[in-house]
Amino acid sequence: MFQYSKYHTLSEVDEAGYRNCSTASAVLSSSDGNTTVALTAPGDRYFVCGNELHCLGGMRLHVPVSEPASPGGAGATPASPGGGG
């Protein structure tokens, strides 16, 4: 969730847009001050303030999205047949 004042906007951009603070190829742009973005797929996501000077000043965010954890948690091993123990 992004919350920001009326002096800012939110744009989701590609990696080049993030590096260059460019919103020319933005896949999402919002200016409502309260934007929720679902992170449903793994991969890198990049967000910047649409005001280039604000972005160059550090108002940008890289979000690496991981695969969801498998059921049972990481490192879980299935029980051996017959109880084994």
N, C-alpha and C. Protein backbone atom coordinates (compact mmCIF):
# COMPACT_ATOMS: atom_id res chain seq x y z
N MET A 1 0.84 -1.16 0.00
CA MET A 1 0.00 0.00 0.00
C MET A 1 0.90 1.24 0.00
N PHE A 2 0.59 2.15 -0.87
CA PHE A 2 1.32 3.41 -0.96
C PHE A 2 0.39 4.54 -0.54
N GLN A 3 0.81 5.34 0.41
CA GLN A 3 0.06 6.52 0.82
C GLN A 3 0.96 7.72 0.60
N TYR A 4 0.44 8.73 -0.09
CA TYR A 4 1.27 9.87 -0.46
C TYR A 4 0.39 11.11 -0.62
N SER A 5 1.03 12.28 -0.56
CA SER A 5 0.30 13.54 -0.62
C SER A 5 -0.02 13.93 -2.07
N LYS A 6 -0.78 14.98 -2.21
CA LYS A 6 -1.19 15.44 -3.54
C LYS A 6 -0.02 15.97 -4.37
N TYR A 7 1.14 16.13 -3.76
CA TYR A 7 2.32 16.61 -4.48
C TYR A 7 3.09 15.49 -5.15
N HIS A 8 2.60 14.27 -5.01
CA HIS A 8 3.28 13.10 -5.56
C HIS A 8 2.31 12.27 -6.40
N THR A 9 2.88 11.39 -7.20
CA THR A 9 2.11 10.38 -7.93
C THR A 9 2.86 9.06 -7.79
N LEU A 10 2.22 7.99 -8.16
CA LEU A 10 2.85 6.68 -8.13
C LEU A 10 2.80 6.09 -9.53
N SER A 11 3.94 5.63 -9.99
CA SER A 11 4.01 4.94 -11.28
C SER A 11 4.77 3.65 -11.11
N GLU A 12 4.25 2.57 -11.70
CA GLU A 12 5.01 1.33 -11.76
C GLU A 12 5.68 1.30 -13.11
N VAL A 13 6.99 1.09 -13.11
CA VAL A 13 7.79 1.16 -14.33
C VAL A 13 8.66 -0.10 -14.45
N ASP A 14 9.34 -0.22 -15.57
CA ASP A 14 10.30 -1.31 -15.74
C ASP A 14 11.63 -0.90 -15.12
N GLU A 15 12.61 -1.79 -15.18
CA GLU A 15 13.90 -1.52 -14.55
C GLU A 15 14.58 -0.28 -15.12
N ALA A 16 14.50 -0.10 -16.43
CA ALA A 16 15.11 1.08 -17.06
C ALA A 16 14.42 2.35 -16.58
N GLY A 17 13.10 2.32 -16.47
CA GLY A 17 12.37 3.47 -15.97
C GLY A 17 12.75 3.78 -14.53
N TYR A 18 12.97 2.75 -13.75
CA TYR A 18 13.40 2.92 -12.35
C TYR A 18 14.78 3.57 -12.30
N ARG A 19 15.72 3.04 -13.09
CA ARG A 19 17.09 3.58 -13.08
C ARG A 19 17.12 5.03 -13.55
N ASN A 20 16.29 5.36 -14.56
CA ASN A 20 16.32 6.69 -15.17
C ASN A 20 15.23 7.62 -14.66
N CYS A 21 14.42 7.16 -13.72
CA CYS A 21 13.29 7.96 -13.21
C CYS A 21 12.39 8.42 -14.35
N SER A 22 12.11 7.50 -15.26
CA SER A 22 11.26 7.79 -16.40
C SER A 22 9.94 7.03 -16.29
N THR A 23 8.85 7.73 -16.49
CA THR A 23 7.53 7.09 -16.45
C THR A 23 6.96 6.91 -17.86
N ALA A 24 7.80 7.04 -18.88
CA ALA A 24 7.34 6.95 -20.27
C ALA A 24 6.68 5.61 -20.57
N SER A 25 7.16 4.54 -19.95
CA SER A 25 6.58 3.21 -20.21
C SER A 25 5.90 2.65 -18.97
N ALA A 26 5.30 3.51 -18.18
CA ALA A 26 4.64 3.07 -16.94
C ALA A 26 3.51 2.09 -17.24
N VAL A 27 3.43 1.05 -16.42
CA VAL A 27 2.34 0.08 -16.56
C VAL A 27 1.19 0.42 -15.62
N LEU A 28 1.45 1.31 -14.66
CA LEU A 28 0.43 1.76 -13.73
C LEU A 28 0.78 3.18 -13.33
N SER A 29 -0.22 4.06 -13.29
CA SER A 29 -0.04 5.42 -12.80
C SER A 29 -1.23 5.77 -11.93
N SER A 30 -0.95 6.37 -10.79
CA SER A 30 -2.02 6.73 -9.88
C SER A 30 -1.67 8.02 -9.17
N SER A 31 -2.69 8.79 -8.83
CA SER A 31 -2.46 10.04 -8.11
C SER A 31 -3.50 10.25 -7.02
N ASP A 32 -4.14 9.16 -6.56
CA ASP A 32 -5.21 9.30 -5.58
C ASP A 32 -4.71 9.39 -4.14
N GLY A 33 -3.41 9.21 -3.91
CA GLY A 33 -2.84 9.34 -2.58
C GLY A 33 -2.94 8.09 -1.73
N ASN A 34 -3.61 7.08 -2.23
CA ASN A 34 -3.81 5.85 -1.46
C ASN A 34 -3.96 4.69 -2.45
N THR A 35 -2.84 4.11 -2.85
CA THR A 35 -2.83 3.11 -3.91
C THR A 35 -2.36 1.77 -3.38
N THR A 36 -3.15 0.73 -3.63
CA THR A 36 -2.77 -0.62 -3.25
C THR A 36 -2.39 -1.39 -4.51
N VAL A 37 -1.26 -2.05 -4.46
CA VAL A 37 -0.77 -2.83 -5.59
C VAL A 37 -0.61 -4.27 -5.13
N ALA A 38 -1.30 -5.19 -5.77
CA ALA A 38 -1.19 -6.61 -5.43
C ALA A 38 0.11 -7.18 -6.00
N LEU A 39 0.86 -7.87 -5.17
CA LEU A 39 2.11 -8.50 -5.60
C LEU A 39 1.84 -10.00 -5.74
N THR A 40 1.20 -10.39 -6.83
CA THR A 40 0.69 -11.74 -6.99
C THR A 40 1.62 -12.69 -7.74
N ALA A 41 2.62 -12.17 -8.42
CA ALA A 41 3.51 -13.03 -9.20
C ALA A 41 4.96 -12.73 -8.82
N PRO A 42 5.82 -13.75 -8.85
CA PRO A 42 7.22 -13.51 -8.52
C PRO A 42 7.90 -12.66 -9.58
N GLY A 43 8.91 -11.94 -9.16
CA GLY A 43 9.68 -11.10 -10.07
C GLY A 43 9.96 -9.75 -9.43
N ASP A 44 10.69 -8.93 -10.15
CA ASP A 44 11.05 -7.60 -9.66
C ASP A 44 10.00 -6.59 -10.07
N ARG A 45 9.60 -5.75 -9.14
CA ARG A 45 8.64 -4.68 -9.40
C ARG A 45 9.32 -3.36 -9.04
N TYR A 46 9.02 -2.33 -9.81
CA TYR A 46 9.67 -1.03 -9.63
C TYR A 46 8.62 0.07 -9.57
N PHE A 47 8.73 0.93 -8.56
CA PHE A 47 7.79 2.01 -8.35
C PHE A 47 8.55 3.32 -8.19
N VAL A 48 8.04 4.38 -8.79
CA VAL A 48 8.67 5.70 -8.70
C VAL A 48 7.62 6.76 -8.50
N CYS A 49 8.06 7.89 -7.93
CA CYS A 49 7.21 9.08 -7.92
C CYS A 49 7.25 9.64 -9.33
N GLY A 50 6.11 10.03 -9.85
CA GLY A 50 6.04 10.55 -11.21
C GLY A 50 6.72 11.89 -11.39
N ASN A 51 7.00 12.58 -10.30
CA ASN A 51 7.77 13.83 -10.38
C ASN A 51 9.24 13.44 -10.46
N GLU A 52 9.85 13.68 -11.60
CA GLU A 52 11.22 13.22 -11.84
C GLU A 52 12.20 13.69 -10.77
N LEU A 53 12.08 14.93 -10.33
CA LEU A 53 13.00 15.44 -9.30
C LEU A 53 12.83 14.71 -7.98
N HIS A 54 11.59 14.34 -7.65
CA HIS A 54 11.35 13.57 -6.43
C HIS A 54 11.98 12.18 -6.57
N CYS A 55 11.80 11.56 -7.71
CA CYS A 55 12.37 10.23 -7.96
C CYS A 55 13.89 10.29 -7.87
N LEU A 56 14.49 11.28 -8.54
CA LEU A 56 15.95 11.42 -8.49
C LEU A 56 16.44 11.67 -7.07
N GLY A 57 15.58 12.26 -6.23
CA GLY A 57 15.91 12.51 -4.84
C GLY A 57 15.73 11.28 -3.96
N GLY A 58 15.26 10.17 -4.52
CA GLY A 58 15.16 8.92 -3.76
C GLY A 58 13.77 8.37 -3.59
N MET A 59 12.76 9.02 -4.13
CA MET A 59 11.39 8.51 -3.98
C MET A 59 11.11 7.46 -5.04
N ARG A 60 11.73 6.30 -4.84
CA ARG A 60 11.53 5.16 -5.72
C ARG A 60 11.78 3.90 -4.91
N LEU A 61 11.18 2.81 -5.36
CA LEU A 61 11.23 1.57 -4.59
C LEU A 61 11.31 0.37 -5.52
N HIS A 62 12.27 -0.50 -5.25
CA HIS A 62 12.41 -1.78 -5.95
C HIS A 62 11.89 -2.85 -5.01
N VAL A 63 10.94 -3.66 -5.47
CA VAL A 63 10.34 -4.71 -4.64
C VAL A 63 10.58 -6.06 -5.31
N PRO A 64 11.51 -6.88 -4.77
CA PRO A 64 11.67 -8.24 -5.29
C PRO A 64 10.58 -9.14 -4.68
N VAL A 65 9.76 -9.72 -5.53
CA VAL A 65 8.66 -10.57 -5.07
C VAL A 65 9.07 -12.03 -5.24
N SER A 66 9.03 -12.78 -4.14
CA SER A 66 9.44 -14.20 -4.13
C SER A 66 8.26 -15.10 -4.41
N GLU A 67 8.58 -16.34 -4.76
CA GLU A 67 7.56 -17.39 -4.88
C GLU A 67 6.92 -17.57 -3.51
N PRO A 68 5.63 -17.86 -3.45
CA PRO A 68 5.03 -18.14 -2.15
C PRO A 68 5.63 -19.41 -1.54
N ALA A 69 5.66 -19.47 -0.22
CA ALA A 69 6.18 -20.65 0.47
C ALA A 69 5.31 -21.85 0.16
N SER A 70 5.94 -23.00 0.05
CA SER A 70 5.16 -24.23 -0.22
C SER A 70 4.41 -24.64 1.04
N PRO A 71 3.30 -25.35 0.88
CA PRO A 71 2.57 -25.82 2.06
C PRO A 71 3.48 -26.66 2.95
N GLY A 72 3.39 -26.48 4.25
CA GLY A 72 4.24 -27.23 5.16
C GLY A 72 5.49 -26.47 5.54
N GLY A 73 5.75 -25.38 4.84
CA GLY A 73 6.90 -24.55 5.19
C GLY A 73 8.19 -25.04 4.57
N ALA A 74 9.17 -24.17 4.58
CA ALA A 74 10.47 -24.51 4.01
C ALA A 74 11.16 -25.56 4.86
N GLY A 75 11.79 -26.51 4.23
CA GLY A 75 12.54 -27.53 4.93
C GLY A 75 11.70 -28.66 5.49
N ALA A 76 10.41 -28.64 5.26
CA ALA A 76 9.55 -29.70 5.79
C ALA A 76 9.79 -30.97 4.98
N THR A 77 9.85 -32.09 5.66
CA THR A 77 10.01 -33.36 4.98
C THR A 77 8.80 -34.22 5.27
N PRO A 78 8.35 -34.97 4.29
CA PRO A 78 7.18 -35.82 4.52
C PRO A 78 7.49 -36.92 5.52
N ALA A 79 6.48 -37.34 6.25
CA ALA A 79 6.64 -38.43 7.22
C ALA A 79 6.93 -39.73 6.47
N SER A 80 7.76 -40.56 7.05
CA SER A 80 8.07 -41.83 6.40
C SER A 80 6.93 -42.80 6.64
N PRO A 81 6.65 -43.68 5.66
CA PRO A 81 5.57 -44.66 5.83
C PRO A 81 5.86 -45.58 7.01
N GLY A 82 4.84 -45.95 7.73
CA GLY A 82 4.99 -46.88 8.83
C GLY A 82 5.45 -46.24 10.13
N GLY A 83 5.51 -44.94 10.18
CA GLY A 83 5.86 -44.28 11.42
C GLY A 83 7.34 -44.16 11.64
N GLY A 84 8.13 -45.10 11.26
CA GLY A 84 9.57 -45.09 11.29
C GLY A 84 10.23 -44.62 12.57
N GLY A 85 9.52 -44.51 13.66
CA GLY A 85 10.29 -43.95 14.68
C GLY A 85 10.09 -44.26 16.04
